[in-house]
Amino acid sequence: MHHFSYHGQSLHCEEVDLAAIADAVGTPVYVYSAATLKRHARVIAGAFKNHDCLIAYSVKANGNL
């Protein structure tokens, strides 16, 4: 499950209109869903619950700022 969906013709992330974000900060822009990331982390952690392991996440830095 993810938290991106269309409301009419407008794409939203967790009920936030992505066009409004693009208008506010310009493009290109990366938008991440915290709810989706947290859910995926729970699913992955559950799959490895019987193992001693570290689950880590990284976002690639944008060198073109």
Protein backbone atom coordinates (compact mmCIF):
# COMPACT_ATOMS: atom_id res chain seq x y z
CA MET A 1 0.00 0.00 0.00
CA HIS A 2 1.18 3.51 -0.71
CA HIS A 3 -0.21 6.92 0.10
CA PHE A 4 -0.19 8.53 -3.34
CA SER A 5 -3.58 8.89 -5.03
CA TYR A 6 -5.46 11.00 -7.50
CA HIS A 7 -8.23 13.31 -6.34
CA GLY A 8 -9.89 14.18 -9.62
CA GLN A 9 -7.04 15.16 -11.96
CA SER A 10 -4.63 16.11 -9.17
CA LEU A 11 -2.05 13.75 -7.67
CA HIS A 12 -1.81 13.86 -3.88
CA CYS A 13 0.62 12.46 -1.31
CA GLU A 14 -1.05 11.80 2.03
CA GLU A 15 -3.86 14.21 1.09
CA VAL A 16 -1.43 16.99 0.07
CA ASP A 17 -1.77 18.28 -3.50
CA LEU A 18 1.56 17.74 -5.24
CA ALA A 19 0.90 20.60 -7.66
CA ALA A 20 0.71 22.94 -4.65
CA ILE A 21 4.11 21.70 -3.47
CA ALA A 22 5.59 22.20 -6.95
CA ASP A 23 4.13 25.72 -7.10
CA ALA A 24 5.58 26.55 -3.66
CA VAL A 25 9.11 25.16 -4.09
CA GLY A 26 9.53 24.68 -7.84
CA THR A 27 10.57 21.61 -9.75
CA PRO A 28 12.17 19.20 -9.80
CA VAL A 29 11.17 18.25 -6.26
CA TYR A 30 11.18 14.90 -4.48
CA VAL A 31 8.20 14.12 -2.27
CA TYR A 32 8.26 11.14 0.07
CA SER A 33 5.34 9.65 1.97
CA ALA A 34 6.28 9.15 5.63
CA ALA A 35 3.34 6.78 6.05
CA THR A 36 4.55 4.59 3.16
CA LEU A 37 8.14 4.52 4.43
CA LYS A 38 7.03 3.63 7.97
CA ARG A 39 4.77 0.84 6.71
CA HIS A 40 7.50 -0.64 4.53
CA ALA A 41 9.95 -0.48 7.43
CA ARG A 42 7.47 -2.40 9.62
CA VAL A 43 6.97 -5.06 6.92
CA ILE A 44 10.72 -5.51 6.41
CA ALA A 45 11.38 -5.62 10.17
CA GLY A 46 8.65 -8.24 10.51
CA ALA A 47 10.25 -10.39 7.84
CA PHE A 48 13.54 -10.37 9.78
CA LYS A 49 12.12 -10.50 13.30
CA ASN A 50 13.84 -13.83 14.03
CA HIS A 51 17.25 -12.55 12.94
CA ASP A 52 19.75 -10.23 14.56
CA CYS A 53 20.15 -7.58 11.88
CA LEU A 54 20.23 -3.85 11.27
CA ILE A 55 17.72 -2.37 8.85
CA ALA A 56 18.93 0.96 7.46
CA TYR A 57 17.53 3.39 4.91
CA SER A 58 19.27 6.01 2.86
CA VAL A 59 18.19 8.74 0.47
CA LYS A 60 20.67 9.70 -2.21
CA ALA A 61 21.90 13.25 -1.79
CA ASN A 62 21.21 15.65 -4.66
CA GLY A 63 24.56 16.97 -5.83
CA ASN A 64 22.92 19.32 -8.34
CA LEU A 65 21.65 21.92 -5.89
